[in-house]
Amino acid sequence: MSESRKTTNHREIQEWAKKHGGVPRVVKGTENDGSGEGVLRIHFPKKSDDNGSFDEVSWDEFFKEFDKNNLALLHDPNGNFNKLVSRD
């Protein structure tokens, strides 16, 4: 079993996601009008259906929010696990 890694390096995150089939997404807003602030995530379309619950974002948009919210990616180098966490 491999150990999880924590990183804030944009290039490393993007390369890891692409290697494992991940794409940047934002969970659609939870307000009745859909305007609620979305939650960032890396989505793996081949592993799960999004049922229309995510909005596509570019990597630039993803990393803008990633940095603004002081996040880091905790991930398994083999692609079995990932979670966005606080940098602290």
N, C-alpha and C. Protein backbone atom coordinates (compact mmCIF):
# COMPACT_ATOMS: atom_id res chain seq x y z
N MET A 1 0.84 -1.17 0.00
CA MET A 1 0.00 0.00 0.00
C MET A 1 0.89 1.24 0.00
N SER A 2 0.62 2.19 -0.88
CA SER A 2 1.45 3.38 -0.96
C SER A 2 0.95 4.45 0.01
N GLU A 3 1.83 5.36 0.33
CA GLU A 3 1.48 6.45 1.22
C GLU A 3 0.89 7.60 0.43
N SER A 4 0.01 8.36 1.10
CA SER A 4 -0.57 9.55 0.48
C SER A 4 0.45 10.68 0.50
N ARG A 5 0.32 11.54 -0.50
CA ARG A 5 1.18 12.72 -0.60
C ARG A 5 0.30 13.96 -0.54
N LYS A 6 0.85 15.03 -0.03
CA LYS A 6 0.15 16.32 0.01
C LYS A 6 0.94 17.29 -0.84
N THR A 7 0.26 17.98 -1.77
CA THR A 7 0.96 18.92 -2.65
C THR A 7 0.09 20.13 -2.97
N THR A 8 0.76 21.23 -3.26
CA THR A 8 0.09 22.44 -3.76
C THR A 8 0.62 22.80 -5.14
N ASN A 9 1.52 21.99 -5.67
CA ASN A 9 2.16 22.27 -6.95
C ASN A 9 1.16 22.04 -8.09
N HIS A 10 0.81 23.12 -8.78
CA HIS A 10 -0.21 23.05 -9.83
C HIS A 10 0.14 22.04 -10.92
N ARG A 11 1.37 22.07 -11.38
CA ARG A 11 1.77 21.16 -12.46
C ARG A 11 1.68 19.70 -12.00
N GLU A 12 2.15 19.43 -10.79
CA GLU A 12 2.09 18.07 -10.26
C GLU A 12 0.64 17.59 -10.13
N ILE A 13 -0.24 18.46 -9.66
CA ILE A 13 -1.66 18.10 -9.50
C ILE A 13 -2.29 17.81 -10.86
N GLN A 14 -2.06 18.70 -11.80
CA GLN A 14 -2.65 18.53 -13.14
C GLN A 14 -2.13 17.26 -13.82
N GLU A 15 -0.84 17.01 -13.72
CA GLU A 15 -0.27 15.81 -14.33
C GLU A 15 -0.80 14.55 -13.66
N TRP A 16 -0.92 14.56 -12.32
CA TRP A 16 -1.46 13.41 -11.59
C TRP A 16 -2.91 13.15 -12.03
N ALA A 17 -3.71 14.21 -12.10
CA ALA A 17 -5.11 14.06 -12.48
C ALA A 17 -5.24 13.50 -13.90
N LYS A 18 -4.52 14.08 -14.83
CA LYS A 18 -4.59 13.62 -16.22
C LYS A 18 -4.14 12.17 -16.35
N LYS A 19 -3.10 11.80 -15.64
CA LYS A 19 -2.59 10.42 -15.69
C LYS A 19 -3.66 9.42 -15.26
N HIS A 20 -4.52 9.82 -14.35
CA HIS A 20 -5.55 8.92 -13.82
C HIS A 20 -6.95 9.21 -14.35
N GLY A 21 -7.03 10.05 -15.40
CA GLY A 21 -8.31 10.33 -16.04
C GLY A 21 -9.16 11.38 -15.35
N GLY A 22 -8.54 12.21 -14.50
CA GLY A 22 -9.28 13.22 -13.76
C GLY A 22 -9.36 14.55 -14.48
N VAL A 23 -10.47 15.25 -14.25
CA VAL A 23 -10.69 16.56 -14.84
C VAL A 23 -11.19 17.51 -13.74
N PRO A 24 -10.90 18.82 -13.89
CA PRO A 24 -11.35 19.77 -12.87
C PRO A 24 -12.85 20.02 -12.99
N ARG A 25 -13.52 20.09 -11.83
CA ARG A 25 -14.96 20.33 -11.80
C ARG A 25 -15.31 21.15 -10.57
N VAL A 26 -16.49 21.76 -10.63
CA VAL A 26 -17.07 22.46 -9.49
C VAL A 26 -18.45 21.86 -9.29
N VAL A 27 -18.75 21.49 -8.05
CA VAL A 27 -20.08 20.99 -7.73
C VAL A 27 -21.04 22.15 -7.92
N LYS A 28 -22.15 21.91 -8.63
CA LYS A 28 -23.12 22.97 -8.87
C LYS A 28 -23.64 23.52 -7.55
N GLY A 29 -24.01 24.81 -7.57
CA GLY A 29 -24.50 25.49 -6.38
C GLY A 29 -25.67 24.78 -5.74
N THR A 30 -25.80 24.93 -4.44
CA THR A 30 -26.86 24.26 -3.71
C THR A 30 -28.04 25.17 -3.41
N GLU A 31 -27.93 26.44 -3.75
CA GLU A 31 -29.05 27.35 -3.55
C GLU A 31 -30.16 27.00 -4.54
N ASN A 32 -31.40 27.37 -4.22
CA ASN A 32 -32.54 27.05 -5.09
C ASN A 32 -32.37 27.60 -6.49
N ASP A 33 -31.71 28.74 -6.61
CA ASP A 33 -31.52 29.32 -7.94
C ASP A 33 -30.21 28.85 -8.59
N GLY A 34 -29.49 27.95 -7.90
CA GLY A 34 -28.25 27.42 -8.46
C GLY A 34 -27.07 28.35 -8.32
N SER A 35 -27.25 29.43 -7.54
CA SER A 35 -26.17 30.41 -7.44
C SER A 35 -25.22 30.17 -6.28
N GLY A 36 -25.44 29.11 -5.53
CA GLY A 36 -24.57 28.84 -4.38
C GLY A 36 -23.16 28.57 -4.82
N GLU A 37 -22.20 28.87 -3.95
CA GLU A 37 -20.80 28.68 -4.27
C GLU A 37 -20.51 27.19 -4.41
N GLY A 38 -19.90 26.81 -5.50
CA GLY A 38 -19.60 25.40 -5.75
C GLY A 38 -18.36 24.93 -5.03
N VAL A 39 -18.25 23.64 -4.87
CA VAL A 39 -17.10 23.02 -4.22
C VAL A 39 -16.19 22.43 -5.29
N LEU A 40 -14.90 22.70 -5.20
CA LEU A 40 -13.94 22.15 -6.16
C LEU A 40 -13.76 20.66 -5.95
N ARG A 41 -13.49 19.98 -7.05
CA ARG A 41 -13.12 18.57 -6.96
C ARG A 41 -12.45 18.15 -8.26
N ILE A 42 -11.74 17.05 -8.20
CA ILE A 42 -11.22 16.41 -9.40
C ILE A 42 -12.14 15.24 -9.65
N HIS A 43 -12.76 15.25 -10.82
CA HIS A 43 -13.76 14.23 -11.17
C HIS A 43 -13.14 13.22 -12.13
N PHE A 44 -13.52 11.98 -11.97
CA PHE A 44 -13.01 10.89 -12.80
C PHE A 44 -14.18 10.28 -13.57
N PRO A 45 -14.49 10.83 -14.77
CA PRO A 45 -15.66 10.41 -15.53
C PRO A 45 -15.72 8.91 -15.82
N LYS A 46 -14.58 8.25 -16.00
CA LYS A 46 -14.62 6.82 -16.30
C LYS A 46 -14.92 5.98 -15.07
N LYS A 47 -14.77 6.57 -13.88
CA LYS A 47 -15.01 5.84 -12.64
C LYS A 47 -16.38 6.12 -12.04
N SER A 48 -16.96 7.28 -12.37
CA SER A 48 -18.27 7.60 -11.82
C SER A 48 -19.00 8.59 -12.71
N ASP A 49 -20.33 8.51 -12.71
CA ASP A 49 -21.18 9.41 -13.48
C ASP A 49 -21.40 10.67 -12.66
N ASP A 50 -21.46 11.81 -13.31
CA ASP A 50 -21.67 13.04 -12.55
C ASP A 50 -23.15 13.42 -12.44
N ASN A 51 -24.02 12.73 -13.17
CA ASN A 51 -25.46 12.99 -13.10
C ASN A 51 -25.80 14.47 -13.23
N GLY A 52 -24.98 15.23 -13.95
CA GLY A 52 -25.24 16.64 -14.15
C GLY A 52 -25.02 17.50 -12.91
N SER A 53 -24.33 16.95 -11.91
CA SER A 53 -24.15 17.70 -10.67
C SER A 53 -22.87 18.54 -10.64
N PHE A 54 -22.10 18.52 -11.74
CA PHE A 54 -20.85 19.28 -11.79
C PHE A 54 -20.86 20.22 -12.98
N ASP A 55 -20.15 21.32 -12.80
CA ASP A 55 -19.89 22.25 -13.90
C ASP A 55 -18.43 22.11 -14.29
N GLU A 56 -18.18 22.15 -15.59
CA GLU A 56 -16.81 22.11 -16.08
C GLU A 56 -16.12 23.43 -15.77
N VAL A 57 -14.85 23.36 -15.42
CA VAL A 57 -14.02 24.54 -15.25
C VAL A 57 -12.67 24.24 -15.88
N SER A 58 -11.98 25.28 -16.26
CA SER A 58 -10.63 25.10 -16.80
C SER A 58 -9.67 24.88 -15.64
N TRP A 59 -8.49 24.38 -15.96
CA TRP A 59 -7.48 24.22 -14.92
C TRP A 59 -7.11 25.57 -14.34
N ASP A 60 -7.09 26.63 -15.16
CA ASP A 60 -6.77 27.96 -14.65
C ASP A 60 -7.81 28.41 -13.61
N GLU A 61 -9.08 28.20 -13.92
CA GLU A 61 -10.15 28.56 -12.97
C GLU A 61 -10.05 27.71 -11.70
N PHE A 62 -9.79 26.42 -11.89
CA PHE A 62 -9.66 25.50 -10.76
C PHE A 62 -8.56 25.99 -9.82
N PHE A 63 -7.38 26.29 -10.37
CA PHE A 63 -6.25 26.68 -9.52
C PHE A 63 -6.43 28.07 -8.92
N LYS A 64 -7.17 28.94 -9.58
CA LYS A 64 -7.47 30.25 -8.99
C LYS A 64 -8.25 30.05 -7.69
N GLU A 65 -9.28 29.21 -7.71
CA GLU A 65 -10.08 28.93 -6.52
C GLU A 65 -9.29 28.08 -5.51
N PHE A 66 -8.51 27.18 -6.01
CA PHE A 66 -7.65 26.31 -5.18
C PHE A 66 -6.74 27.17 -4.30
N ASP A 67 -6.08 28.14 -4.92
CA ASP A 67 -5.18 29.03 -4.17
C ASP A 67 -5.95 30.00 -3.28
N LYS A 68 -7.03 30.54 -3.79
CA LYS A 68 -7.85 31.48 -3.02
C LYS A 68 -8.36 30.84 -1.72
N ASN A 69 -8.69 29.56 -1.79
CA ASN A 69 -9.23 28.84 -0.63
C ASN A 69 -8.16 28.11 0.18
N ASN A 70 -6.88 28.36 -0.17
CA ASN A 70 -5.75 27.82 0.59
C ASN A 70 -5.81 26.29 0.68
N LEU A 71 -6.01 25.65 -0.48
CA LEU A 71 -6.15 24.20 -0.51
C LEU A 71 -4.86 23.49 -0.92
N ALA A 72 -4.82 22.21 -0.64
CA ALA A 72 -3.77 21.30 -1.08
C ALA A 72 -4.45 20.02 -1.53
N LEU A 73 -3.77 19.24 -2.35
CA LEU A 73 -4.29 17.94 -2.77
C LEU A 73 -3.59 16.85 -1.97
N LEU A 74 -4.37 16.05 -1.28
CA LEU A 74 -3.89 14.85 -0.62
C LEU A 74 -4.24 13.71 -1.55
N HIS A 75 -3.23 12.95 -1.99
CA HIS A 75 -3.51 11.92 -3.00
C HIS A 75 -2.58 10.72 -2.87
N ASP A 76 -3.07 9.63 -3.39
CA ASP A 76 -2.29 8.41 -3.52
C ASP A 76 -1.62 8.47 -4.89
N PRO A 77 -0.31 8.36 -4.98
CA PRO A 77 0.37 8.42 -6.27
C PRO A 77 -0.17 7.42 -7.30
N ASN A 78 -0.78 6.31 -6.84
CA ASN A 78 -1.31 5.30 -7.75
C ASN A 78 -2.72 5.62 -8.23
N GLY A 79 -3.31 6.73 -7.79
CA GLY A 79 -4.62 7.13 -8.27
C GLY A 79 -5.80 6.52 -7.55
N ASN A 80 -5.57 5.88 -6.41
CA ASN A 80 -6.67 5.24 -5.69
C ASN A 80 -7.40 6.15 -4.72
N PHE A 81 -6.85 7.33 -4.44
CA PHE A 81 -7.43 8.21 -3.45
C PHE A 81 -7.03 9.66 -3.73
N ASN A 82 -7.96 10.58 -3.52
CA ASN A 82 -7.62 12.00 -3.55
C ASN A 82 -8.64 12.79 -2.76
N LYS A 83 -8.17 13.88 -2.19
CA LYS A 83 -9.05 14.75 -1.41
C LYS A 83 -8.42 16.13 -1.34
N LEU A 84 -9.24 17.15 -1.54
CA LEU A 84 -8.76 18.52 -1.38
C LEU A 84 -8.88 18.87 0.10
N VAL A 85 -7.76 19.34 0.67
CA VAL A 85 -7.70 19.63 2.10
C VAL A 85 -7.08 21.00 2.32
N SER A 86 -7.17 21.50 3.53
CA SER A 86 -6.54 22.76 3.90
C SER A 86 -5.03 22.60 3.85
N ARG A 87 -4.35 23.65 3.45
CA ARG A 87 -2.88 23.62 3.43
C ARG A 87 -2.30 23.58 4.83
N ASP A 88 -3.06 24.03 5.80
CA ASP A 88 -2.55 24.10 7.18
C ASP A 88 -2.40 22.80 7.80
